[in-house]
Amino acid sequence: MPHTATAPQREAWMTEDLAELLKQTATGNTITCEQVQQFAARHSIEITKMKPFVDALGITVSNCRGLCAK
């Protein structure tokens, strides 16, 4: 039986309003690492929570500095 990947689960704090704001910040399906950091600071979100958030939304981070994965 083939393994099928599942999309990352959105957590309760990942509201639809925050998701829409993050999508609006992105260009297409891509957002820069700097934009992710600014978004997290503006919305009082720990930077380490941003990787699962962008993954759940299917957004790619460009110029990643690895801050989200720490």
PDB file of N, CA and C in Angstrom:
ATOM      1  N   MET A   1       0.847  -1.181   0.000  1.00  0.00           N
ATOM      2  CA  MET A   1       0.000   0.000   0.000  1.00  0.00           C
ATOM      3  C   MET A   1       0.891   1.243   0.000  1.00  0.00           C
ATOM      4  N   PRO A   2       0.692   2.177  -0.942  1.00  0.00           N
ATOM      5  CA  PRO A   2       1.547   3.366  -1.007  1.00  0.00           C
ATOM      6  C   PRO A   2       1.283   4.314   0.158  1.00  0.00           C
ATOM      7  N   HIS A   3       2.341   4.983   0.549  1.00  0.00           N
ATOM      8  CA  HIS A   3       2.237   5.983   1.624  1.00  0.00           C
ATOM      9  C   HIS A   3       1.758   7.303   1.018  1.00  0.00           C
ATOM     10  N   THR A   4       0.743   7.880   1.587  1.00  0.00           N
ATOM     11  CA  THR A   4       0.270   9.191   1.127  1.00  0.00           C
ATOM     12  C   THR A   4       0.548  10.210   2.211  1.00  0.00           C
ATOM     13  N   ALA A   5       1.152  11.298   1.803  1.00  0.00           N
ATOM     14  CA  ALA A   5       1.471  12.377   2.748  1.00  0.00           C
ATOM     15  C   ALA A   5       0.200  13.121   3.118  1.00  0.00           C
ATOM     16  N   THR A   6       0.136  13.523   4.353  1.00  0.00           N
ATOM     17  CA  THR A   6      -1.004  14.317   4.797  1.00  0.00           C
ATOM     18  C   THR A   6      -0.560  15.750   5.000  1.00  0.00           C
ATOM     19  N   ALA A   7      -1.465  16.664   4.747  1.00  0.00           N
ATOM     20  CA  ALA A   7      -1.166  18.087   4.940  1.00  0.00           C
ATOM     21  C   ALA A   7      -0.998  18.366   6.427  1.00  0.00           C
ATOM     22  N   PRO A   8      -0.103  19.283   6.770  1.00  0.00           N
ATOM     23  CA  PRO A   8       0.047  19.647   8.183  1.00  0.00           C
ATOM     24  C   PRO A   8      -1.279  20.156   8.746  1.00  0.00           C
ATOM     25  N   GLN A   9      -1.542  19.801   9.984  1.00  0.00           N
ATOM     26  CA  GLN A   9      -2.779  20.215  10.639  1.00  0.00           C
ATOM     27  C   GLN A   9      -2.671  21.655  11.143  1.00  0.00           C
ATOM     28  N   ARG A  10      -3.744  22.393  10.946  1.00  0.00           N
ATOM     29  CA  ARG A  10      -3.791  23.745  11.502  1.00  0.00           C
ATOM     30  C   ARG A  10      -4.173  23.656  12.964  1.00  0.00           C
ATOM     31  N   GLU A  11      -3.474  24.432  13.774  1.00  0.00           N
ATOM     32  CA  GLU A  11      -3.765  24.489  15.203  1.00  0.00           C
ATOM     33  C   GLU A  11      -4.846  25.534  15.451  1.00  0.00           C
ATOM     34  N   ALA A  12      -5.449  25.484  16.628  1.00  0.00           N
ATOM     35  CA  ALA A  12      -6.567  26.369  16.960  1.00  0.00           C
ATOM     36  C   ALA A  12      -6.205  27.852  16.846  1.00  0.00           C
ATOM     37  N   TRP A  13      -4.970  28.214  17.174  1.00  0.00           N
ATOM     38  CA  TRP A  13      -4.575  29.635  17.126  1.00  0.00           C
ATOM     39  C   TRP A  13      -4.439  30.136  15.692  1.00  0.00           C
ATOM     40  N   MET A  14      -4.341  29.217  14.741  1.00  0.00           N
ATOM     41  CA  MET A  14      -4.182  29.576  13.328  1.00  0.00           C
ATOM     42  C   MET A  14      -5.551  29.918  12.741  1.00  0.00           C
ATOM     43  N   THR A  15      -6.077  31.049  13.148  1.00  0.00           N
ATOM     44  CA  THR A  15      -7.429  31.429  12.745  1.00  0.00           C
ATOM     45  C   THR A  15      -7.510  31.737  11.252  1.00  0.00           C
ATOM     46  N   GLU A  16      -8.714  31.719  10.749  1.00  0.00           N
ATOM     47  CA  GLU A  16      -8.935  32.041   9.338  1.00  0.00           C
ATOM     48  C   GLU A  16      -8.505  33.478   9.045  1.00  0.00           C
ATOM     49  N   ASP A  17      -8.736  34.383   9.996  1.00  0.00           N
ATOM     50  CA  ASP A  17      -8.318  35.782   9.812  1.00  0.00           C
ATOM     51  C   ASP A  17      -6.802  35.889   9.673  1.00  0.00           C
ATOM     52  N   LEU A  18      -6.055  35.203  10.559  1.00  0.00           N
ATOM     53  CA  LEU A  18      -4.595  35.222  10.463  1.00  0.00           C
ATOM     54  C   LEU A  18      -4.131  34.565   9.172  1.00  0.00           C
ATOM     55  N   ALA A  19      -4.785  33.481   8.789  1.00  0.00           N
ATOM     56  CA  ALA A  19      -4.424  32.783   7.552  1.00  0.00           C
ATOM     57  C   ALA A  19      -4.609  33.703   6.348  1.00  0.00           C
ATOM     58  N   GLU A  20      -5.708  34.429   6.315  1.00  0.00           N
ATOM     59  CA  GLU A  20      -5.956  35.350   5.194  1.00  0.00           C
ATOM     60  C   GLU A  20      -4.928  36.475   5.161  1.00  0.00           C
ATOM     61  N   LEU A  21      -4.588  37.009   6.332  1.00  0.00           N
ATOM     62  CA  LEU A  21      -3.576  38.067   6.390  1.00  0.00           C
ATOM     63  C   LEU A  21      -2.223  37.557   5.903  1.00  0.00           C
ATOM     64  N   LEU A  22      -1.874  36.334   6.291  1.00  0.00           N
ATOM     65  CA  LEU A  22      -0.601  35.768   5.853  1.00  0.00           C
ATOM     66  C   LEU A  22      -0.610  35.523   4.347  1.00  0.00           C
ATOM     67  N   LYS A  23      -1.708  35.028   3.822  1.00  0.00           N
ATOM     68  CA  LYS A  23      -1.834  34.806   2.374  1.00  0.00           C
ATOM     69  C   LYS A  23      -1.719  36.132   1.616  1.00  0.00           C
ATOM     70  N   GLN A  24      -2.291  37.196   2.176  1.00  0.00           N
ATOM     71  CA  GLN A  24      -2.216  38.508   1.537  1.00  0.00           C
ATOM     72  C   GLN A  24      -0.789  39.049   1.551  1.00  0.00           C
ATOM     73  N   THR A  25      -0.013  38.675   2.548  1.00  0.00           N
ATOM     74  CA  THR A  25       1.370  39.111   2.653  1.00  0.00           C
ATOM     75  C   THR A  25       2.235  38.411   1.605  1.00  0.00           C
ATOM     76  N   ALA A  26       1.876  37.175   1.298  1.00  0.00           N
ATOM     77  CA  ALA A  26       2.634  36.386   0.330  1.00  0.00           C
ATOM     78  C   ALA A  26       2.405  36.899  -1.090  1.00  0.00           C
ATOM     79  N   THR A  27       3.375  36.646  -1.949  1.00  0.00           N
ATOM     80  CA  THR A  27       3.242  36.934  -3.373  1.00  0.00           C
ATOM     81  C   THR A  27       3.002  35.597  -4.044  1.00  0.00           C
ATOM     82  N   GLY A  28       1.792  35.400  -4.514  1.00  0.00           N
ATOM     83  CA  GLY A  28       1.436  34.085  -5.030  1.00  0.00           C
ATOM     84  C   GLY A  28       1.416  33.122  -3.867  1.00  0.00           C
ATOM     85  N   ASN A  29       2.222  32.095  -3.941  1.00  0.00           N
ATOM     86  CA  ASN A  29       2.321  31.112  -2.860  1.00  0.00           C
ATOM     87  C   ASN A  29       3.680  31.175  -2.170  1.00  0.00           C
ATOM     88  N   THR A  30       4.347  32.334  -2.270  1.00  0.00           N
ATOM     89  CA  THR A  30       5.690  32.482  -1.709  1.00  0.00           C
ATOM     90  C   THR A  30       5.751  33.711  -0.807  1.00  0.00           C
ATOM     91  N   ILE A  31       6.468  33.550   0.295  1.00  0.00           N
ATOM     92  CA  ILE A  31       6.681  34.647   1.240  1.00  0.00           C
ATOM     93  C   ILE A  31       8.155  34.617   1.633  1.00  0.00           C
ATOM     94  N   THR A  32       8.745  35.773   1.867  1.00  0.00           N
ATOM     95  CA  THR A  32      10.159  35.797   2.259  1.00  0.00           C
ATOM     96  C   THR A  32      10.288  35.536   3.756  1.00  0.00           C
ATOM     97  N   CYS A  33      11.461  35.101   4.140  1.00  0.00           N
ATOM     98  CA  CYS A  33      11.749  34.864   5.553  1.00  0.00           C
ATOM     99  C   CYS A  33      11.541  36.157   6.351  1.00  0.00           C
ATOM    100  N   GLU A  34      11.991  37.273   5.794  1.00  0.00           N
ATOM    101  CA  GLU A  34      11.828  38.564   6.470  1.00  0.00           C
ATOM    102  C   GLU A  34      10.345  38.886   6.688  1.00  0.00           C
ATOM    103  N   GLN A  35       9.516  38.617   5.697  1.00  0.00           N
ATOM    104  CA  GLN A  35       8.075  38.857   5.835  1.00  0.00           C
ATOM    105  C   GLN A  35       7.477  37.962   6.919  1.00  0.00           C
ATOM    106  N   VAL A  36       7.937  36.715   6.992  1.00  0.00           N
ATOM    107  CA  VAL A  36       7.458  35.795   8.028  1.00  0.00           C
ATOM    108  C   VAL A  36       7.818  36.338   9.408  1.00  0.00           C
ATOM    109  N   GLN A  37       9.056  36.820   9.552  1.00  0.00           N
ATOM    110  CA  GLN A  37       9.497  37.365  10.841  1.00  0.00           C
ATOM    111  C   GLN A  37       8.670  38.594  11.228  1.00  0.00           C
ATOM    112  N   GLN A  38       8.431  39.472  10.262  1.00  0.00           N
ATOM    113  CA  GLN A  38       7.644  40.675  10.525  1.00  0.00           C
ATOM    114  C   GLN A  38       6.202  40.319  10.891  1.00  0.00           C
ATOM    115  N   PHE A  39       5.629  39.359  10.184  1.00  0.00           N
ATOM    116  CA  PHE A  39       4.262  38.930  10.454  1.00  0.00           C
ATOM    117  C   PHE A  39       4.161  38.373  11.876  1.00  0.00           C
ATOM    118  N   ALA A  40       5.114  37.521  12.235  1.00  0.00           N
ATOM    119  CA  ALA A  40       5.114  36.925  13.575  1.00  0.00           C
ATOM    120  C   ALA A  40       5.210  38.011  14.648  1.00  0.00           C
ATOM    121  N   ALA A  41       6.098  38.966  14.459  1.00  0.00           N
ATOM    122  CA  ALA A  41       6.266  40.040  15.442  1.00  0.00           C
ATOM    123  C   ALA A  41       5.004  40.894  15.544  1.00  0.00           C
ATOM    124  N   ARG A  42       4.431  41.243  14.410  1.00  0.00           N
ATOM    125  CA  ARG A  42       3.242  42.094  14.370  1.00  0.00           C
ATOM    126  C   ARG A  42       2.041  41.442  15.062  1.00  0.00           C
ATOM    127  N   HIS A  43       1.970  40.108  14.980  1.00  0.00           N
ATOM    128  CA  HIS A  43       0.814  39.395  15.520  1.00  0.00           C
ATOM    129  C   HIS A  43       1.138  38.610  16.794  1.00  0.00           C
ATOM    130  N   SER A  44       2.295  38.912  17.384  1.00  0.00           N
ATOM    131  CA  SER A  44       2.736  38.288  18.647  1.00  0.00           C
ATOM    132  C   SER A  44       2.702  36.761  18.585  1.00  0.00           C
ATOM    133  N   ILE A  45       3.268  36.228  17.503  1.00  0.00           N
ATOM    134  CA  ILE A  45       3.356  34.780  17.310  1.00  0.00           C
ATOM    135  C   ILE A  45       4.825  34.389  17.451  1.00  0.00           C
ATOM    136  N   GLU A  46       5.092  33.349  18.233  1.00  0.00           N
ATOM    137  CA  GLU A  46       6.460  32.868  18.353  1.00  0.00           C
ATOM    138  C   GLU A  46       6.949  32.441  16.976  1.00  0.00           C
ATOM    139  N   ILE A  47       8.158  32.822  16.636  1.00  0.00           N
ATOM    140  CA  ILE A  47       8.700  32.533  15.307  1.00  0.00           C
ATOM    141  C   ILE A  47       8.725  31.023  15.041  1.00  0.00           C
ATOM    142  N   THR A  48       8.929  30.222  16.064  1.00  0.00           N
ATOM    143  CA  THR A  48       8.981  28.773  15.873  1.00  0.00           C
ATOM    144  C   THR A  48       7.626  28.176  15.486  1.00  0.00           C
ATOM    145  N   LYS A  49       6.559  28.924  15.659  1.00  0.00           N
ATOM    146  CA  LYS A  49       5.225  28.453  15.270  1.00  0.00           C
ATOM    147  C   LYS A  49       4.887  28.787  13.818  1.00  0.00           C
ATOM    148  N   MET A  50       5.727  29.585  13.191  1.00  0.00           N
ATOM    149  CA  MET A  50       5.412  30.025  11.834  1.00  0.00           C
ATOM    150  C   MET A  50       5.624  28.948  10.775  1.00  0.00           C
ATOM    151  N   LYS A  51       6.609  28.071  10.944  1.00  0.00           N
ATOM    152  CA  LYS A  51       6.851  27.019   9.956  1.00  0.00           C
ATOM    153  C   LYS A  51       5.625  26.124   9.797  1.00  0.00           C
ATOM    154  N   PRO A  52       5.052  25.601  10.887  1.00  0.00           N
ATOM    155  CA  PRO A  52       3.846  24.788  10.719  1.00  0.00           C
ATOM    156  C   PRO A  52       2.686  25.579  10.108  1.00  0.00           C
ATOM    157  N   PHE A  53       2.620  26.872  10.394  1.00  0.00           N
ATOM    158  CA  PHE A  53       1.540  27.717   9.869  1.00  0.00           C
ATOM    159  C   PHE A  53       1.666  27.867   8.352  1.00  0.00           C
ATOM    160  N   VAL A  54       2.848  28.250   7.869  1.00  0.00           N
ATOM    161  CA  VAL A  54       3.011  28.412   6.423  1.00  0.00           C
ATOM    162  C   VAL A  54       2.866  27.071   5.714  1.00  0.00           C
ATOM    163  N   ASP A  55       3.341  26.000   6.337  1.00  0.00           N
ATOM    164  CA  ASP A  55       3.185  24.668   5.746  1.00  0.00           C
ATOM    165  C   ASP A  55       1.717  24.290   5.620  1.00  0.00           C
ATOM    166  N   ALA A  56       0.945  24.570   6.661  1.00  0.00           N
ATOM    167  CA  ALA A  56      -0.484  24.236   6.645  1.00  0.00           C
ATOM    168  C   ALA A  56      -1.225  25.001   5.552  1.00  0.00           C
ATOM    169  N   LEU A  57      -0.721  26.181   5.220  1.00  0.00           N
ATOM    170  CA  LEU A  57      -1.353  27.000   4.188  1.00  0.00           C
ATOM    171  C   LEU A  57      -0.772  26.737   2.799  1.00  0.00           C
ATOM    172  N   GLY A  58       0.257  25.910   2.728  1.00  0.00           N
ATOM    173  CA  GLY A  58       0.873  25.596   1.440  1.00  0.00           C
ATOM    174  C   GLY A  58       1.700  26.735   0.877  1.00  0.00           C
ATOM    175  N   ILE A  59       2.220  27.588   1.768  1.00  0.00           N
ATOM    176  CA  ILE A  59       3.041  28.726   1.355  1.00  0.00           C
ATOM    177  C   ILE A  59       4.512  28.338   1.462  1.00  0.00           C
ATOM    178  N   THR A  60       5.293  28.720   0.463  1.00  0.00           N
ATOM    179  CA  THR A  60       6.726  28.460   0.436  1.00  0.00           C
ATOM    180  C   THR A  60       7.471  29.683   0.956  1.00  0.00           C
ATOM    181  N   VAL A  61       8.485  29.446   1.791  1.00  0.00           N
ATOM    182  CA  VAL A  61       9.303  30.543   2.327  1.00  0.00           C
ATOM    183  C   VAL A  61      10.579  30.639   1.497  1.00  0.00           C
ATOM    184  N   SER A  62      10.831  31.828   0.955  1.00  0.00           N
ATOM    185  CA  SER A  62      12.068  32.049   0.205  1.00  0.00           C
ATOM    186  C   SER A  62      13.091  32.731   1.102  1.00  0.00           C
ATOM    187  N   ASN A  63      14.352  32.560   0.770  1.00  0.00           N
ATOM    188  CA  ASN A  63      15.453  33.141   1.553  1.00  0.00           C
ATOM    189  C   ASN A  63      15.377  32.734   3.012  1.00  0.00           C
ATOM    190  N   CYS A  64      15.016  31.475   3.246  1.00  0.00           N
ATOM    191  CA  CYS A  64      14.838  30.958   4.607  1.00  0.00           C
ATOM    192  C   CYS A  64      16.148  31.017   5.379  1.00  0.00           C
ATOM    193  N   ARG A  65      16.062  31.511   6.619  1.00  0.00           N
ATOM    194  CA  ARG A  65      17.230  31.595   7.507  1.00  0.00           C
ATOM    195  C   ARG A  65      17.183  30.517   8.583  1.00  0.00           C
ATOM    196  N   GLY A  66      16.147  29.679   8.557  1.00  0.00           N
ATOM    197  CA  GLY A  66      16.034  28.588   9.513  1.00  0.00           C
ATOM    198  C   GLY A  66      15.543  28.985  10.893  1.00  0.00           C
ATOM    199  N   LEU A  67      15.094  30.209  11.070  1.00  0.00           N
ATOM    200  CA  LEU A  67      14.644  30.678  12.375  1.00  0.00           C
ATOM    201  C   LEU A  67      13.376  29.968  12.838  1.00  0.00           C
ATOM    202  N   CYS A  68      12.510  29.632  11.912  1.00  0.00           N
ATOM    203  CA  CYS A  68      11.235  28.981  12.260  1.00  0.00           C
ATOM    204  C   CYS A  68      11.428  27.554  12.749  1.00  0.00           C
ATOM    205  N   ALA A  69      12.480  26.925  12.299  1.00  0.00           N
ATOM    206  CA  ALA A  69      12.692  25.516  12.588  1.00  0.00           C
ATOM    207  C   ALA A  69      13.434  25.250  13.896  1.00  0.00           C
ATOM    208  N   LYS A  70      13.813  26.304  14.596  1.00  0.00           N
ATOM    209  CA  LYS A  70      14.580  26.132  15.831  1.00  0.00           C
ATOM    210  C   LYS A  70      13.698  25.694  16.965  1.00  0.00           C
TER     211      LYS A  70
END
